[in-house]
Amino acid sequence: MGERAVLRQTLAIALLLLTTLAGQAAEWGSIAFSPRTGANGYSHNYDTKSTAQAWAMSYCDDNASDCRIVVNFQNACGAVAVGRNGGWGADWGPTRSSAEANAIAVCQSHDGGCRTKRWVCSK
């Protein structure tokens, strides 16, 4: 195959990839969490980050005045993990298992016995 044919083939593959990626809608999600009470709220599959955050906050317990957004994710998953002494961590990943593992790793840098408290995916 000639150099021009390879270039054309490479460009065609790149165009196909860009078209596929451009067609994927942004699906935002967020998790809100209260370190004091453990209350949480979550959202997924929203068009904008701000909308996802607003819905996650609206689902967090009204008595949890310290509830705040701890993780945002787009076309991915998020998780919050809590430890036995009140430590916690939040993170995201491309899959549920990776988001949970990442959140647990963050939590373990503050506490022991960390376990997933909430997870959600937006894809």
Protein backbone atom coordinates (compact mmCIF):
# COMPACT_ATOMS: atom_id res chain seq x y z
CA MET A 1 0.00 0.00 0.00
CA GLY A 2 1.36 3.40 -0.95
CA GLU A 3 2.03 6.26 1.42
CA ARG A 4 -1.02 8.21 0.20
CA ALA A 5 -3.29 5.19 0.69
CA VAL A 6 -2.04 4.73 4.26
CA LEU A 7 -2.59 8.43 4.94
CA ARG A 8 -6.14 8.27 3.51
CA GLN A 9 -6.91 5.17 5.58
CA THR A 10 -5.54 6.82 8.73
CA LEU A 11 -7.59 9.96 8.11
CA ALA A 12 -10.73 7.89 7.48
CA ILE A 13 -10.26 6.05 10.77
CA ALA A 14 -9.65 9.33 12.62
CA LEU A 15 -12.76 10.86 11.08
CA LEU A 16 -14.84 7.83 12.05
CA LEU A 17 -13.53 7.99 15.61
CA LEU A 18 -14.23 11.73 15.91
CA THR A 19 -17.73 11.29 14.50
CA THR A 20 -18.46 8.50 16.98
CA LEU A 21 -17.15 10.51 19.93
CA ALA A 22 -18.99 13.66 18.87
CA GLY A 23 -22.25 11.70 18.71
CA GLN A 24 -21.95 10.61 22.34
CA ALA A 25 -24.07 12.90 24.49
CA ALA A 26 -22.60 14.38 27.63
CA GLU A 27 -24.18 12.53 30.52
CA TRP A 28 -23.18 14.26 33.73
CA GLY A 29 -23.59 12.90 37.22
CA SER A 30 -22.72 14.09 40.71
CA ILE A 31 -22.68 12.81 44.27
CA ALA A 32 -23.36 15.05 47.25
CA PHE A 33 -22.22 13.88 50.69
CA SER A 34 -22.41 15.03 54.30
CA PRO A 35 -19.32 13.98 56.28
CA ARG A 36 -21.15 14.79 59.53
CA THR A 37 -24.26 12.65 59.00
CA GLY A 38 -23.31 10.36 56.11
CA ALA A 39 -26.33 11.58 54.13
CA ASN A 40 -25.90 11.58 50.38
CA GLY A 41 -27.68 12.47 47.19
CA TYR A 42 -26.84 11.59 43.64
CA SER A 43 -27.78 12.28 40.06
CA HIS A 44 -26.94 10.84 36.66
CA ASN A 45 -27.64 11.33 32.95
CA TYR A 46 -27.99 15.13 32.91
CA ASP A 47 -26.96 17.37 30.01
CA THR A 48 -24.90 19.75 32.16
CA LYS A 49 -22.66 19.50 35.18
CA SER A 50 -24.54 22.26 37.01
CA THR A 51 -27.89 20.48 36.57
CA ALA A 52 -26.42 17.21 37.85
CA GLN A 53 -24.99 19.03 40.87
CA ALA A 54 -28.29 20.76 41.65
CA TRP A 55 -30.22 17.49 41.58
CA ALA A 56 -27.65 15.65 43.71
CA MET A 57 -27.82 18.42 46.31
CA SER A 58 -31.62 18.37 46.26
CA TYR A 59 -31.60 14.67 47.21
CA CYS A 60 -29.20 15.09 50.12
CA ASP A 61 -30.90 15.13 53.54
CA ASP A 62 -32.23 18.57 54.50
CA ASN A 63 -30.81 18.14 58.03
CA ALA A 64 -27.28 17.73 56.65
CA SER A 65 -26.14 21.35 56.52
CA ASP A 66 -22.63 20.28 55.50
CA CYS A 67 -23.82 18.33 52.45
CA ARG A 68 -21.70 19.25 49.43
CA ILE A 69 -20.77 17.95 46.00
CA VAL A 70 -17.82 15.59 46.42
CA VAL A 71 -17.52 14.13 42.92
CA ASN A 72 -18.66 14.94 39.38
CA PHE A 73 -18.33 12.64 36.39
CA GLN A 74 -19.18 12.69 32.70
CA ASN A 75 -20.04 9.49 30.83
CA ALA A 76 -18.45 7.61 33.72
CA CYS A 77 -19.10 6.54 37.32
CA GLY A 78 -18.55 8.12 40.72
CA ALA A 79 -18.33 6.72 44.23
CA VAL A 80 -18.00 7.74 47.87
CA ALA A 81 -16.37 5.48 50.45
CA VAL A 82 -16.42 5.85 54.23
CA GLY A 83 -14.09 4.45 56.88
CA ARG A 84 -14.74 3.09 60.36
CA ASN A 85 -13.62 6.31 62.09
CA GLY A 86 -15.48 8.84 59.93
CA GLY A 87 -12.85 9.32 57.25
CA TRP A 88 -14.09 9.32 53.68
CA GLY A 89 -13.03 9.65 50.06
CA ALA A 90 -14.68 10.23 46.71
CA ASP A 91 -13.50 9.70 43.15
CA TRP A 92 -14.63 8.66 39.70
CA GLY A 93 -13.67 6.12 37.04
CA PRO A 94 -14.77 4.77 33.68
CA THR A 95 -16.55 1.82 35.36
CA ARG A 96 -18.34 1.19 38.63
CA SER A 97 -15.55 -1.02 39.93
CA SER A 98 -12.84 1.52 39.10
CA ALA A 99 -14.81 4.38 40.68
CA GLU A 100 -15.32 2.33 43.85
CA ALA A 101 -11.66 1.28 43.98
CA ASN A 102 -10.52 4.89 43.49
CA ALA A 103 -12.85 6.21 46.21
CA ILE A 104 -11.74 3.49 48.62
CA ALA A 105 -8.07 4.33 47.92
CA VAL A 106 -8.72 8.01 48.71
CA CYS A 107 -10.60 7.04 51.88
CA GLN A 108 -7.81 4.72 53.00
CA SER A 109 -5.37 7.62 52.98
CA HIS A 110 -7.48 9.07 55.85
CA ASP A 111 -9.01 6.04 57.60
CA GLY A 112 -9.15 2.26 57.72
CA GLY A 113 -11.91 -0.20 56.96
CA CYS A 114 -13.18 1.87 54.03
CA ARG A 115 -16.26 0.65 52.18
CA THR A 116 -18.39 2.09 49.39
CA LYS A 117 -21.25 4.21 50.71
CA ARG A 118 -22.73 5.30 47.34
CA TRP A 119 -21.93 4.73 43.68
CA VAL A 120 -23.67 5.84 40.50
CA CYS A 121 -22.90 5.75 36.79
CA SER A 122 -23.99 8.19 34.09
CA LYS A 123 -23.65 5.93 31.08
